[in-house]
């Protein structure tokens, strides 16, 4: 349902910008000449894991658990945009963002299945290089690439397993500046890949029987897809 509303919103924005182009009006003709400008972003995200199972025989029954991510769940993102113009085509961007999301790992052995959920509230602090094409009427597509770190504020020590609080990642994406009379709207799709093993292998659960949730996974890396709407 939320995705359908976003599609309709994007379609309306493109139609409005197209109407301005047909009217012969180029909105904000000098906005890209500013040395520095600011804005904010709203969007949705989908958090995921790259899972490497240990395939060890665990517990008294010597079960081998295959761990995998269950159905992906949508989350919410809100951030601040800071943009520095380097030249006509390149911009340096700093966009600290707060994400809200949830991921679930399923543990399957034989016919039995168990799971553990990880609620995450990461604060990401990325820096990007944005390369823009030539402007065409009230549109200007671009690509961007960057890297950064995030700190997870949603760790729960009462969980069956624990994630590390800090991760480093690289991120790349595409977007398009849409120029209106008083602001730019920039729909942007980004893909983030984490570098660290996010599973805390030293974590001791309150119930020793829950150790297999950690022991069944050799490595756990973060992934995230984010669709944001930047207002600049």
C-alpha atoms as a PDB file:
ATOM      1  CA  UNK A   1       0.000   0.000   0.000  1.00  0.00           C
ATOM      2  CA  UNK A   2       2.767   2.453   0.935  1.00  0.00           C
ATOM      3  CA  UNK A   3       4.680   1.622  -2.246  1.00  0.00           C
ATOM      4  CA  UNK A   4       1.599   2.401  -4.354  1.00  0.00           C
ATOM      5  CA  UNK A   5       1.267   5.830  -2.716  1.00  0.00           C
ATOM      6  CA  UNK A   6       4.950   6.533  -3.407  1.00  0.00           C
ATOM      7  CA  UNK A   7       4.533   5.591  -7.083  1.00  0.00           C
ATOM      8  CA  UNK A   8       1.554   7.940  -7.396  1.00  0.00           C
ATOM      9  CA  UNK A   9       3.499  10.746  -5.671  1.00  0.00           C
ATOM     10  CA  UNK A  10       6.464  10.383  -8.038  1.00  0.00           C
ATOM     11  CA  UNK A  11       4.156  10.296 -11.071  1.00  0.00           C
ATOM     12  CA  UNK A  12       2.389  13.501  -9.969  1.00  0.00           C
ATOM     13  CA  UNK A  13       5.765  15.238  -9.451  1.00  0.00           C
ATOM     14  CA  UNK A  14       6.978  14.302 -12.917  1.00  0.00           C
ATOM     15  CA  UNK A  15       3.683  15.459 -14.450  1.00  0.00           C
ATOM     16  CA  UNK A  16       3.896  18.828 -12.699  1.00  0.00           C
ATOM     17  CA  UNK A  17       7.477  19.364 -13.829  1.00  0.00           C
ATOM     18  CA  UNK A  18       6.525  18.334 -17.387  1.00  0.00           C
ATOM     19  CA  UNK A  19       3.681  20.857 -17.409  1.00  0.00           C
ATOM     20  CA  UNK A  20       6.152  23.602 -16.443  1.00  0.00           C
ATOM     21  CA  UNK A  21       8.421  22.549 -19.318  1.00  0.00           C
ATOM     22  CA  UNK A  22       5.568  22.699 -21.826  1.00  0.00           C
ATOM     23  CA  UNK A  23       4.755  26.177 -20.562  1.00  0.00           C
ATOM     24  CA  UNK A  24       8.299  27.250 -21.480  1.00  0.00           C
ATOM     25  CA  UNK A  25       9.299  27.871 -17.868  1.00  0.00           C
ATOM     26  CA  UNK A  26      12.625  26.660 -16.469  1.00  0.00           C
ATOM     27  CA  UNK A  27      12.239  26.656 -12.718  1.00  0.00           C
ATOM     28  CA  UNK A  28      15.116  27.750 -10.454  1.00  0.00           C
ATOM     29  CA  UNK A  29      17.575  28.442 -13.316  1.00  0.00           C
ATOM     30  CA  UNK A  30      20.473  29.409 -11.008  1.00  0.00           C
ATOM     31  CA  UNK A  31      19.947  27.051  -8.062  1.00  0.00           C
ATOM     32  CA  UNK A  32      22.777  24.710  -9.112  1.00  0.00           C
ATOM     33  CA  UNK A  33      25.271  27.593  -9.042  1.00  0.00           C
ATOM     34  CA  UNK A  34      25.068  27.916  -5.241  1.00  0.00           C
ATOM     35  CA  UNK A  35      28.253  26.929  -3.439  1.00  0.00           C
ATOM     36  CA  UNK A  36      26.390  25.371  -0.494  1.00  0.00           C
ATOM     37  CA  UNK A  37      22.766  24.434   0.007  1.00  0.00           C
ATOM     38  CA  UNK A  38      20.763  22.371   2.494  1.00  0.00           C
ATOM     39  CA  UNK A  39      17.605  20.304   2.628  1.00  0.00           C
ATOM     40  CA  UNK A  40      15.952  17.303   4.228  1.00  0.00           C
ATOM     41  CA  UNK A  41      14.967  13.799   3.140  1.00  0.00           C
ATOM     42  CA  UNK A  42      12.087  11.427   3.817  1.00  0.00           C
ATOM     43  CA  UNK A  43      11.842   7.883   2.569  1.00  0.00           C
ATOM     44  CA  UNK A  44      11.498   4.177   3.121  1.00  0.00           C
ATOM     45  CA  UNK A  45      14.085   1.435   3.472  1.00  0.00           C
ATOM     46  CA  UNK A  46      14.412  -2.326   3.385  1.00  0.00           C
ATOM     47  CA  UNK A  47      17.108  -3.847   5.606  1.00  0.00           C
ATOM     48  CA  UNK A  48      18.668  -7.191   4.781  1.00  0.00           C
ATOM     49  CA  UNK A  49      21.520  -9.489   5.832  1.00  0.00           C
ATOM     50  CA  UNK A  50      24.163 -11.337   3.886  1.00  0.00           C
ATOM     51  CA  UNK A  51      24.246 -14.623   5.806  1.00  0.00           C
ATOM     52  CA  UNK A  52      27.061 -17.200   5.896  1.00  0.00           C
ATOM     53  CA  UNK A  53      25.860 -20.233   7.930  1.00  0.00           C
ATOM     54  CA  UNK A  54      28.474 -22.051  10.015  1.00  0.00           C
ATOM     55  CA  UNK A  55      26.875 -25.481   9.246  1.00  0.00           C
ATOM     56  CA  UNK A  56      28.251 -26.785  12.568  1.00  0.00           C
ATOM     57  CA  UNK A  57      26.588 -29.589  14.497  1.00  0.00           C
ATOM     58  CA  UNK A  58      25.060 -27.857  17.513  1.00  0.00           C
ATOM     59  CA  UNK A  59      23.286 -28.806  20.712  1.00  0.00           C
ATOM     60  CA  UNK A  60      22.723 -32.197  22.270  1.00  0.00           C
ATOM     61  CA  UNK A  61      21.000 -33.405  19.092  1.00  0.00           C
ATOM     62  CA  UNK A  62      23.901 -32.255  16.898  1.00  0.00           C
ATOM     63  CA  UNK A  63      21.571 -30.378  14.586  1.00  0.00           C
ATOM     64  CA  UNK A  64      22.906 -28.405  11.621  1.00  0.00           C
ATOM     65  CA  UNK A  65      20.993 -25.125  11.232  1.00  0.00           C
ATOM     66  CA  UNK A  66      20.640 -23.295   7.929  1.00  0.00           C
ATOM     67  CA  UNK A  67      20.164 -19.579   8.672  1.00  0.00           C
ATOM     68  CA  UNK A  68      18.529 -17.247   6.148  1.00  0.00           C
ATOM     69  CA  UNK A  69      16.658 -13.931   6.093  1.00  0.00           C
ATOM     70  CA  UNK A  70      12.879 -14.171   5.998  1.00  0.00           C
ATOM     71  CA  UNK A  71      10.539 -11.874   4.051  1.00  0.00           C
ATOM     72  CA  UNK A  72      11.923  -8.336   3.797  1.00  0.00           C
ATOM     73  CA  UNK A  73      10.060  -5.677   5.776  1.00  0.00           C
ATOM     74  CA  UNK A  74       9.766  -1.952   4.910  1.00  0.00           C
ATOM     75  CA  UNK A  75      11.127   0.694   7.277  1.00  0.00           C
ATOM     76  CA  UNK A  76      11.261   4.486   7.479  1.00  0.00           C
ATOM     77  CA  UNK A  77      14.134   6.961   6.986  1.00  0.00           C
ATOM     78  CA  UNK A  78      14.529  10.676   7.737  1.00  0.00           C
ATOM     79  CA  UNK A  79      17.646  12.771   7.229  1.00  0.00           C
ATOM     80  CA  UNK A  80      19.356  16.112   6.595  1.00  0.00           C
ATOM     81  CA  UNK A  81      21.027  17.071   3.303  1.00  0.00           C
ATOM     82  CA  UNK A  82      24.172  19.230   3.065  1.00  0.00           C
ATOM     83  CA  UNK A  83      25.566  19.839  -0.432  1.00  0.00           C
ATOM     84  CA  UNK A  84      28.855  21.469  -1.526  1.00  0.00           C
ATOM     85  CA  UNK A  85      29.300  22.373  -5.216  1.00  0.00           C
ATOM     86  CA  UNK A  86      32.728  21.293  -6.519  1.00  0.00           C
ATOM     87  CA  UNK A  87      32.187  22.115 -10.191  1.00  0.00           C
ATOM     88  CA  UNK A  88      29.451  22.090 -12.812  1.00  0.00           C
ATOM     89  CA  UNK A  89      28.949  18.335 -12.612  1.00  0.00           C
ATOM     90  CA  UNK A  90      30.307  17.250  -9.211  1.00  0.00           C
ATOM     91  CA  UNK A  91      28.916  17.825  -5.723  1.00  0.00           C
ATOM     92  CA  UNK A  92      30.091  16.618  -2.317  1.00  0.00           C
ATOM     93  CA  UNK A  93      27.190  15.620  -0.081  1.00  0.00           C
ATOM     94  CA  UNK A  94      26.854  14.851   3.626  1.00  0.00           C
ATOM     95  CA  UNK A  95      23.494  13.329   4.598  1.00  0.00           C
ATOM     96  CA  UNK A  96      23.185  12.081   8.204  1.00  0.00           C
ATOM     97  CA  UNK A  97      20.077   9.894   8.326  1.00  0.00           C
ATOM     98  CA  UNK A  98      18.064   8.067  10.976  1.00  0.00           C
ATOM     99  CA  UNK A  99      16.617   4.725   9.848  1.00  0.00           C
ATOM    100  CA  UNK A 100      13.957   2.555  11.461  1.00  0.00           C
ATOM    101  CA  UNK A 101      13.731  -1.076  10.390  1.00  0.00           C
ATOM    102  CA  UNK A 102      13.455  -4.718  11.315  1.00  0.00           C
ATOM    103  CA  UNK A 103      15.116  -7.929  10.118  1.00  0.00           C
ATOM    104  CA  UNK A 104      14.316 -11.546  10.918  1.00  0.00           C
ATOM    105  CA  UNK A 105      16.601 -14.570  10.661  1.00  0.00           C
ATOM    106  CA  UNK A 106      15.068 -18.013  10.233  1.00  0.00           C
ATOM    107  CA  UNK A 107      16.899 -21.087  11.505  1.00  0.00           C
ATOM    108  CA  UNK A 108      15.871 -24.306   9.770  1.00  0.00           C
ATOM    109  CA  UNK A 109      16.942 -27.847  10.619  1.00  0.00           C
ATOM    110  CA  UNK A 110      15.061 -30.801   9.176  1.00  0.00           C
ATOM    111  CA  UNK A 111      11.346 -30.088   9.528  1.00  0.00           C
ATOM    112  CA  UNK A 112      11.726 -27.644  12.445  1.00  0.00           C
ATOM    113  CA  UNK A 113      12.051 -23.882  12.137  1.00  0.00           C
ATOM    114  CA  UNK A 114      12.907 -21.107  14.568  1.00  0.00           C
ATOM    115  CA  UNK A 115      13.599 -17.397  14.188  1.00  0.00           C
ATOM    116  CA  UNK A 116      15.026 -14.297  15.848  1.00  0.00           C
ATOM    117  CA  UNK A 117      14.130 -10.667  15.068  1.00  0.00           C
ATOM    118  CA  UNK A 118      16.529  -7.724  15.100  1.00  0.00           C
ATOM    119  CA  UNK A 119      14.948  -4.299  15.499  1.00  0.00           C
ATOM    120  CA  UNK A 120      17.414  -1.682  14.246  1.00  0.00           C
ATOM    121  CA  UNK A 121      17.512   2.106  14.586  1.00  0.00           C
ATOM    122  CA  UNK A 122      20.811   2.975  12.875  1.00  0.00           C
ATOM    123  CA  UNK A 123      22.101   6.526  12.505  1.00  0.00           C
ATOM    124  CA  UNK A 124      24.116   6.628   9.278  1.00  0.00           C
ATOM    125  CA  UNK A 125      26.704   9.318   8.498  1.00  0.00           C
ATOM    126  CA  UNK A 126      27.654   8.940   4.806  1.00  0.00           C
ATOM    127  CA  UNK A 127      29.619  11.210   2.469  1.00  0.00           C
ATOM    128  CA  UNK A 128      28.839  11.023  -1.266  1.00  0.00           C
ATOM    129  CA  UNK A 129      30.206  12.241  -4.564  1.00  0.00           C
ATOM    130  CA  UNK A 130      27.293  13.177  -6.825  1.00  0.00           C
ATOM    131  CA  UNK A 131      27.840  13.317 -10.592  1.00  0.00           C
ATOM    132  CA  UNK A 132      25.037  15.060 -12.502  1.00  0.00           C
ATOM    133  CA  UNK A 133      24.250  15.059 -16.213  1.00  0.00           C
ATOM    134  CA  UNK A 134      23.355  18.194 -18.151  1.00  0.00           C
ATOM    135  CA  UNK A 135      20.061  19.713 -17.132  1.00  0.00           C
ATOM    136  CA  UNK A 136      17.153  19.141 -19.531  1.00  0.00           C
ATOM    137  CA  UNK A 137      14.273  21.531 -18.922  1.00  0.00           C
ATOM    138  CA  UNK A 138      13.242  20.784 -15.312  1.00  0.00           C
ATOM    139  CA  UNK A 139      15.060  17.450 -14.959  1.00  0.00           C
ATOM    140  CA  UNK A 140      18.645  16.517 -14.185  1.00  0.00           C
ATOM    141  CA  UNK A 141      19.525  12.838 -13.592  1.00  0.00           C
ATOM    142  CA  UNK A 142      22.546  11.883 -11.516  1.00  0.00           C
ATOM    143  CA  UNK A 143      24.496   9.014  -9.994  1.00  0.00           C
ATOM    144  CA  UNK A 144      26.241   9.005  -6.632  1.00  0.00           C
ATOM    145  CA  UNK A 145      28.685   6.889  -4.701  1.00  0.00           C
ATOM    146  CA  UNK A 146      29.979   7.166  -1.167  1.00  0.00           C
ATOM    147  CA  UNK A 147      30.844   5.511   2.115  1.00  0.00           C
ATOM    148  CA  UNK A 148      30.260   6.018   5.797  1.00  0.00           C
ATOM    149  CA  UNK A 149      29.452   4.465   9.145  1.00  0.00           C
ATOM    150  CA  UNK A 150      26.372   3.850  11.206  1.00  0.00           C
ATOM    151  CA  UNK A 151      25.637   3.402  14.873  1.00  0.00           C
ATOM    152  CA  UNK A 152      22.705   1.182  15.841  1.00  0.00           C
ATOM    153  CA  UNK A 153      20.572   2.674  18.630  1.00  0.00           C
ATOM    154  CA  UNK A 154      18.105  -0.237  18.709  1.00  0.00           C
ATOM    155  CA  UNK A 155      20.172  -3.036  20.263  1.00  0.00           C
ATOM    156  CA  UNK A 156      18.290  -5.196  22.773  1.00  0.00           C
ATOM    157  CA  UNK A 157      20.426  -7.160  25.258  1.00  0.00           C
ATOM    158  CA  UNK A 158      17.420  -9.345  26.104  1.00  0.00           C
ATOM    159  CA  UNK A 159      17.345 -10.706  22.555  1.00  0.00           C
ATOM    160  CA  UNK A 160      18.353 -14.268  21.641  1.00  0.00           C
ATOM    161  CA  UNK A 161      21.327 -12.899  19.658  1.00  0.00           C
ATOM    162  CA  UNK A 162      23.062  -9.533  19.463  1.00  0.00           C
ATOM    163  CA  UNK A 163      24.346  -7.316  16.660  1.00  0.00           C
ATOM    164  CA  UNK A 164      27.490  -5.186  16.792  1.00  0.00           C
ATOM    165  CA  UNK A 165      26.732  -1.490  17.379  1.00  0.00           C
ATOM    166  CA  UNK A 166      28.917  -0.033  14.595  1.00  0.00           C
ATOM    167  CA  UNK A 167      29.249  -0.855  10.904  1.00  0.00           C
ATOM    168  CA  UNK A 168      31.089   0.679   7.949  1.00  0.00           C
ATOM    169  CA  UNK A 169      29.531   0.599   4.495  1.00  0.00           C
ATOM    170  CA  UNK A 170      29.746   1.713   0.898  1.00  0.00           C
ATOM    171  CA  UNK A 171      26.687   2.964  -0.950  1.00  0.00           C
ATOM    172  CA  UNK A 172      25.788   3.800  -4.535  1.00  0.00           C
ATOM    173  CA  UNK A 173      22.635   4.997  -6.217  1.00  0.00           C
ATOM    174  CA  UNK A 174      20.783   6.942  -8.877  1.00  0.00           C
ATOM    175  CA  UNK A 175      18.401   9.862  -8.730  1.00  0.00           C
ATOM    176  CA  UNK A 176      16.901  12.779 -10.586  1.00  0.00           C
ATOM    177  CA  UNK A 177      16.604  16.461  -9.654  1.00  0.00           C
ATOM    178  CA  UNK A 178      13.106  17.739 -10.449  1.00  0.00           C
ATOM    179  CA  UNK A 179      12.921  21.538 -10.387  1.00  0.00           C
ATOM    180  CA  UNK A 180       9.844  23.307  -9.061  1.00  0.00           C
ATOM    181  CA  UNK A 181       9.222  27.008  -8.532  1.00  0.00           C
ATOM    182  CA  UNK A 182      10.581  27.147  -4.967  1.00  0.00           C
ATOM    183  CA  UNK A 183      12.506  23.882  -4.374  1.00  0.00           C
ATOM    184  CA  UNK A 184      14.065  20.799  -5.934  1.00  0.00           C
ATOM    185  CA  UNK A 185      12.548  17.376  -5.366  1.00  0.00           C
ATOM    186  CA  UNK A 186      15.058  14.549  -5.809  1.00  0.00           C
ATOM    187  CA  UNK A 187      13.779  10.944  -5.802  1.00  0.00           C
ATOM    188  CA  UNK A 188      16.814   8.783  -5.029  1.00  0.00           C
ATOM    189  CA  UNK A 189      17.351   5.014  -4.917  1.00  0.00           C
ATOM    190  CA  UNK A 190      20.444   3.761  -3.047  1.00  0.00           C
ATOM    191  CA  UNK A 191      22.029   0.381  -2.273  1.00  0.00           C
ATOM    192  CA  UNK A 192      24.287  -0.010   0.799  1.00  0.00           C
ATOM    193  CA  UNK A 193      26.671  -2.888   1.501  1.00  0.00           C
ATOM    194  CA  UNK A 194      28.246  -3.316   4.951  1.00  0.00           C
ATOM    195  CA  UNK A 195      31.848  -4.431   5.509  1.00  0.00           C
ATOM    196  CA  UNK A 196      31.810  -5.747   9.089  1.00  0.00           C
ATOM    197  CA  UNK A 197      30.634  -9.028  10.570  1.00  0.00           C
ATOM    198  CA  UNK A 198      27.654  -7.639  12.468  1.00  0.00           C
ATOM    199  CA  UNK A 199      26.968 -10.651  14.691  1.00  0.00           C
ATOM    200  CA  UNK A 200      28.358 -10.370  18.229  1.00  0.00           C
ATOM    201  CA  UNK A 201      29.914 -13.842  18.614  1.00  0.00           C
ATOM    202  CA  UNK A 202      30.871 -13.112  22.250  1.00  0.00           C
ATOM    203  CA  UNK A 203      27.281 -12.419  23.298  1.00  0.00           C
ATOM    204  CA  UNK A 204      26.018 -14.625  26.138  1.00  0.00           C
ATOM    205  CA  UNK A 205      22.192 -14.956  26.059  1.00  0.00           C
ATOM    206  CA  UNK A 206      20.301 -15.131  29.335  1.00  0.00           C
ATOM    207  CA  UNK A 207      19.199 -18.672  28.398  1.00  0.00           C
ATOM    208  CA  UNK A 208      22.215 -20.861  27.435  1.00  0.00           C
ATOM    209  CA  UNK A 209      19.946 -22.875  25.124  1.00  0.00           C
ATOM    210  CA  UNK A 210      19.819 -19.832  22.827  1.00  0.00           C
ATOM    211  CA  UNK A 211      23.538 -19.963  22.026  1.00  0.00           C
ATOM    212  CA  UNK A 212      22.802 -21.790  18.771  1.00  0.00           C
ATOM    213  CA  UNK A 213      21.300 -18.567  17.331  1.00  0.00           C
ATOM    214  CA  UNK A 214      24.829 -17.163  17.313  1.00  0.00           C
ATOM    215  CA  UNK A 215      26.784 -20.377  16.737  1.00  0.00           C
ATOM    216  CA  UNK A 216      24.777 -21.289  13.627  1.00  0.00           C
ATOM    217  CA  UNK A 217      26.031 -18.185  11.769  1.00  0.00           C
ATOM    218  CA  UNK A 218      29.640 -17.758  10.677  1.00  0.00           C
ATOM    219  CA  UNK A 219      29.296 -14.220   9.284  1.00  0.00           C
ATOM    220  CA  UNK A 220      26.496 -11.669   9.060  1.00  0.00           C
ATOM    221  CA  UNK A 221      26.827  -8.529   6.918  1.00  0.00           C
ATOM    222  CA  UNK A 222      24.344  -5.674   6.529  1.00  0.00           C
ATOM    223  CA  UNK A 223      22.576  -4.668   3.353  1.00  0.00           C
ATOM    224  CA  UNK A 224      20.015  -1.936   2.817  1.00  0.00           C
ATOM    225  CA  UNK A 225      17.967  -0.514  -0.045  1.00  0.00           C
ATOM    226  CA  UNK A 226      16.700   3.040   0.504  1.00  0.00           C
ATOM    227  CA  UNK A 227      14.221   5.062  -1.542  1.00  0.00           C
ATOM    228  CA  UNK A 228      14.323   8.677  -0.392  1.00  0.00           C
ATOM    229  CA  UNK A 229      12.803  11.968  -1.493  1.00  0.00           C
ATOM    230  CA  UNK A 230      15.174  14.879  -0.972  1.00  0.00           C
ATOM    231  CA  UNK A 231      13.701  18.373  -0.669  1.00  0.00           C
ATOM    232  CA  UNK A 232      16.422  20.932  -1.420  1.00  0.00           C
END
